[in-house]
Protein backbone atom coordinates (compact mmCIF):
# COMPACT_ATOMS: atom_id res chain seq x y z
CA MET A 1 105.80 122.41 120.60
CA PRO A 2 105.50 126.19 120.20
CA PRO A 3 104.16 127.32 116.83
CA LEU A 4 107.21 129.52 116.21
CA LEU A 5 109.54 126.52 116.56
CA VAL A 6 107.31 124.40 114.31
CA ASN A 7 107.34 127.11 111.64
CA PHE A 8 111.13 127.43 111.92
CA ILE A 9 111.66 123.68 111.48
CA GLN A 10 109.30 123.59 108.51
CA LEU A 11 111.00 126.59 106.89
CA LEU A 12 114.48 125.17 107.46
CA ALA A 13 113.48 121.82 105.97
CA LEU A 14 111.93 123.57 102.96
CA VAL A 15 115.00 125.76 102.35
CA LEU A 16 117.34 122.76 102.56
CA TRP A 17 115.04 120.77 100.26
CA VAL A 18 115.08 123.56 97.67
CA LEU A 19 118.88 123.95 97.90
CA ILE A 20 119.41 120.20 97.42
CA LEU A 21 117.05 120.22 94.45
CA ALA A 22 118.89 123.25 93.02
CA ARG A 23 122.18 121.39 93.38
CA VAL A 24 120.81 118.42 91.46
CA VAL A 25 119.50 120.65 88.67
CA VAL A 26 122.79 122.57 88.44
CA SER A 27 124.75 119.31 88.28
CA TRP A 28 122.60 118.16 85.34
CA ILE A 29 122.51 121.42 83.39
CA ALA A 30 125.96 122.91 83.93
CA PRO A 31 128.18 120.72 86.11
CA THR A 32 131.31 122.79 85.45
CA SER A 33 129.71 126.19 85.89
CA GLY A 34 130.97 128.41 88.62
CA GLY A 35 129.77 131.55 90.21
CA PRO A 36 128.89 132.67 93.69
CA LEU A 37 125.37 131.21 93.70
CA VAL A 38 126.55 127.75 92.65
CA ALA A 39 129.37 127.92 95.20
CA PHE A 40 126.87 128.86 97.91
CA ILE A 41 124.57 125.97 97.01
CA TYR A 42 127.45 123.51 97.13
CA GLN A 43 128.80 124.91 100.43
CA VAL A 44 125.42 124.64 102.13
CA THR A 45 124.47 121.19 100.84
CA GLU A 46 127.81 119.39 100.97
CA PRO A 47 127.81 118.96 104.79
CA LEU A 48 124.46 117.19 104.43
CA LEU A 49 125.29 115.07 101.40
CA ALA A 50 128.91 114.02 102.13
CA PRO A 51 128.13 111.75 105.12
CA ILE A 52 125.31 110.07 103.21
CA ARG A 53 127.56 109.62 100.17
CA ARG A 54 130.19 107.91 102.34
CA LEU A 55 127.63 105.41 103.66
CA LEU A 56 126.19 104.48 100.26
CA PRO A 57 127.81 101.86 98.06
CA SER A 58 129.16 102.95 94.70
CA THR A 59 126.45 103.10 92.05
CA GLY A 60 128.56 103.71 88.97
CA GLY A 61 128.34 107.49 88.78
CA LEU A 62 124.77 107.87 89.98
CA ASP A 63 124.64 109.91 93.19
CA LEU A 64 121.65 108.90 95.29
CA SER A 65 122.61 111.03 98.28
CA PRO A 66 120.33 113.99 97.38
CA MET A 67 117.29 111.72 97.23
CA ILE A 68 118.12 110.14 100.57
CA ALA A 69 118.84 113.54 102.13
CA ILE A 70 115.45 114.87 101.02
CA LEU A 71 113.71 111.80 102.45
CA LEU A 72 115.63 112.14 105.72
CA LEU A 73 114.77 115.83 105.95
CA GLY A 74 111.08 114.98 105.69
CA VAL A 75 111.30 112.23 108.30
CA ILE A 76 113.31 114.34 110.74
CA ALA A 77 111.00 117.33 110.33
CA ARG A 78 107.93 115.16 110.94
CA LEU A 79 109.51 113.55 114.01
CA LEU A 80 110.49 116.91 115.48
CA ILE A 81 107.12 118.48 114.80
CA GLY A 82 105.27 115.41 115.99
CA GLY A 83 102.89 115.00 113.11
């Protein structure tokens, strides 16, 4: 795989990982806060987390979808890169 494509996949996975982590932190610290940055984080991460959330059983208010999404991002990135 060309190095440029490998770097792009790694960068994309890292950016998504950071955005998911930021969403988790925002939901703990200020779940009702608004603002353009919080809205952006939710808009970018929701398409990744919503399908996972639908597949998971209810856990009584604990959302495990970010953890699973981060694990899946790592697996997919490693499979695409081949290492």
